[in-house]
Amino acid sequence: MEQGVYEYYSMLPVLLLFAVGTSACQIGCECPLRTVAVCQKVGMRSVPILLNPMTTRLDLAHNRISKLSGDELNSIYPSEFY
């Protein structure tokens, strides 16, 4: 194989980590912007934990979350909840 191919494959793990880290969106949610996560009507029983750290708005309307603990609220990033 050529040296260029080796360089490409050696960068692949780094690129994958970057893609996952910058675009994380909980399964069942929609993240139209890096700062917005919309998780409406998906039957969630707890606050999602796989959110982009840049998320500032989280919409959990019409789910099955019956109570929130202080620890749950402190462990997530959004500053606005709906």
C-alpha atoms as a PDB file:
ATOM      1  CA  MET A   1       0.000   0.000   0.000  1.00  0.00           C
ATOM      2  CA  GLU A   2       1.043   3.551  -0.520  1.00  0.00           C
ATOM      3  CA  GLN A   3       2.058   5.790   2.347  1.00  0.00           C
ATOM      4  CA  GLY A   4      -0.979   8.053   1.727  1.00  0.00           C
ATOM      5  CA  VAL A   5      -3.356   5.153   2.395  1.00  0.00           C
ATOM      6  CA  TYR A   6      -1.680   4.436   5.745  1.00  0.00           C
ATOM      7  CA  GLU A   7      -1.967   8.093   6.704  1.00  0.00           C
ATOM      8  CA  TYR A   8      -5.661   8.033   5.841  1.00  0.00           C
ATOM      9  CA  TYR A   9      -6.363   4.963   7.964  1.00  0.00           C
ATOM     10  CA  SER A  10      -4.336   6.284  10.888  1.00  0.00           C
ATOM     11  CA  MET A  11      -6.518   9.429  10.960  1.00  0.00           C
ATOM     12  CA  LEU A  12      -9.821   7.526  10.819  1.00  0.00           C
ATOM     13  CA  PRO A  13     -10.201   6.951  14.608  1.00  0.00           C
ATOM     14  CA  VAL A  14      -9.532  10.622  15.293  1.00  0.00           C
ATOM     15  CA  LEU A  15     -12.106  11.701  12.725  1.00  0.00           C
ATOM     16  CA  LEU A  16     -14.702   9.303  14.134  1.00  0.00           C
ATOM     17  CA  LEU A  17     -14.170  10.568  17.684  1.00  0.00           C
ATOM     18  CA  PHE A  18     -14.497  14.149  16.500  1.00  0.00           C
ATOM     19  CA  ALA A  19     -17.727  13.381  14.634  1.00  0.00           C
ATOM     20  CA  VAL A  20     -19.299  11.601  17.600  1.00  0.00           C
ATOM     21  CA  GLY A  21     -18.183  14.225  20.100  1.00  0.00           C
ATOM     22  CA  THR A  22     -19.487  17.159  18.138  1.00  0.00           C
ATOM     23  CA  SER A  23     -22.795  15.813  16.907  1.00  0.00           C
ATOM     24  CA  ALA A  24     -24.105  13.636  19.729  1.00  0.00           C
ATOM     25  CA  CYS A  25     -27.857  13.397  19.791  1.00  0.00           C
ATOM     26  CA  GLN A  26     -29.792  10.985  21.980  1.00  0.00           C
ATOM     27  CA  ILE A  27     -31.610   8.231  20.080  1.00  0.00           C
ATOM     28  CA  GLY A  28     -35.210   9.342  19.623  1.00  0.00           C
ATOM     29  CA  CYS A  29     -34.330  13.025  19.730  1.00  0.00           C
ATOM     30  CA  GLU A  30     -33.821  15.477  16.931  1.00  0.00           C
ATOM     31  CA  CYS A  31     -30.981  17.965  17.091  1.00  0.00           C
ATOM     32  CA  PRO A  32     -31.588  20.516  14.346  1.00  0.00           C
ATOM     33  CA  LEU A  33     -28.825  22.724  15.755  1.00  0.00           C
ATOM     34  CA  ARG A  34     -25.825  21.933  17.934  1.00  0.00           C
ATOM     35  CA  THR A  35     -27.446  23.895  20.734  1.00  0.00           C
ATOM     36  CA  VAL A  36     -30.966  22.392  20.516  1.00  0.00           C
ATOM     37  CA  ALA A  37     -32.244  18.901  21.384  1.00  0.00           C
ATOM     38  CA  VAL A  38     -35.924  18.123  20.780  1.00  0.00           C
ATOM     39  CA  CYS A  39     -36.998  14.911  22.521  1.00  0.00           C
ATOM     40  CA  GLN A  40     -40.786  15.216  22.407  1.00  0.00           C
ATOM     41  CA  LYS A  41     -43.232  12.314  22.589  1.00  0.00           C
ATOM     42  CA  VAL A  42     -40.660   9.511  22.653  1.00  0.00           C
ATOM     43  CA  GLY A  43     -41.677   7.871  25.939  1.00  0.00           C
ATOM     44  CA  MET A  44     -38.547   8.841  27.864  1.00  0.00           C
ATOM     45  CA  ARG A  45     -38.589   7.968  31.554  1.00  0.00           C
ATOM     46  CA  SER A  46     -35.401   9.878  32.378  1.00  0.00           C
ATOM     47  CA  VAL A  47     -33.403  12.836  31.144  1.00  0.00           C
ATOM     48  CA  PRO A  48     -31.218  11.947  28.141  1.00  0.00           C
ATOM     49  CA  ILE A  49     -27.501  11.797  28.850  1.00  0.00           C
ATOM     50  CA  LEU A  50     -26.072  11.627  25.321  1.00  0.00           C
ATOM     51  CA  LEU A  51     -26.334  15.286  24.496  1.00  0.00           C
ATOM     52  CA  ASN A  52     -23.884  17.537  22.757  1.00  0.00           C
ATOM     53  CA  PRO A  53     -22.082  19.556  25.455  1.00  0.00           C
ATOM     54  CA  MET A  54     -23.040  22.687  23.502  1.00  0.00           C
ATOM     55  CA  THR A  55     -26.766  21.991  24.018  1.00  0.00           C
ATOM     56  CA  THR A  56     -28.506  24.953  25.630  1.00  0.00           C
ATOM     57  CA  ARG A  57     -32.157  24.080  24.886  1.00  0.00           C
ATOM     58  CA  LEU A  58     -33.747  20.735  25.705  1.00  0.00           C
ATOM     59  CA  ASP A  59     -37.393  19.965  24.920  1.00  0.00           C
ATOM     60  CA  LEU A  60     -38.727  16.948  26.863  1.00  0.00           C
ATOM     61  CA  ALA A  61     -42.443  17.678  26.393  1.00  0.00           C
ATOM     62  CA  HIS A  62     -44.944  14.805  26.403  1.00  0.00           C
ATOM     63  CA  ASN A  63     -42.685  12.091  27.833  1.00  0.00           C
ATOM     64  CA  ARG A  64     -42.997   9.802  30.860  1.00  0.00           C
ATOM     65  CA  ILE A  65     -40.556  11.583  33.152  1.00  0.00           C
ATOM     66  CA  SER A  66     -42.331  11.737  36.500  1.00  0.00           C
ATOM     67  CA  LYS A  67     -39.628  13.380  38.624  1.00  0.00           C
ATOM     68  CA  LEU A  68     -36.209  14.938  38.253  1.00  0.00           C
ATOM     69  CA  SER A  69     -33.464  14.708  40.821  1.00  0.00           C
ATOM     70  CA  GLY A  70     -30.985  17.484  41.438  1.00  0.00           C
ATOM     71  CA  ASP A  71     -28.205  15.156  40.302  1.00  0.00           C
ATOM     72  CA  GLU A  72     -29.936  14.607  36.954  1.00  0.00           C
ATOM     73  CA  LEU A  73     -30.305  18.316  36.396  1.00  0.00           C
ATOM     74  CA  ASN A  74     -26.692  19.002  37.368  1.00  0.00           C
ATOM     75  CA  SER A  75     -25.356  16.282  35.075  1.00  0.00           C
ATOM     76  CA  ILE A  76     -26.795  17.800  31.912  1.00  0.00           C
ATOM     77  CA  TYR A  77     -25.848  20.972  30.135  1.00  0.00           C
ATOM     78  CA  PRO A  78     -28.986  22.762  28.873  1.00  0.00           C
ATOM     79  CA  SER A  79     -29.916  26.061  30.417  1.00  0.00           C
ATOM     80  CA  GLU A  80     -33.468  26.046  29.022  1.00  0.00           C
ATOM     81  CA  PHE A  81     -35.940  23.182  29.426  1.00  0.00           C
ATOM     82  CA  TYR A  82     -39.351  22.798  27.801  1.00  0.00           C
END
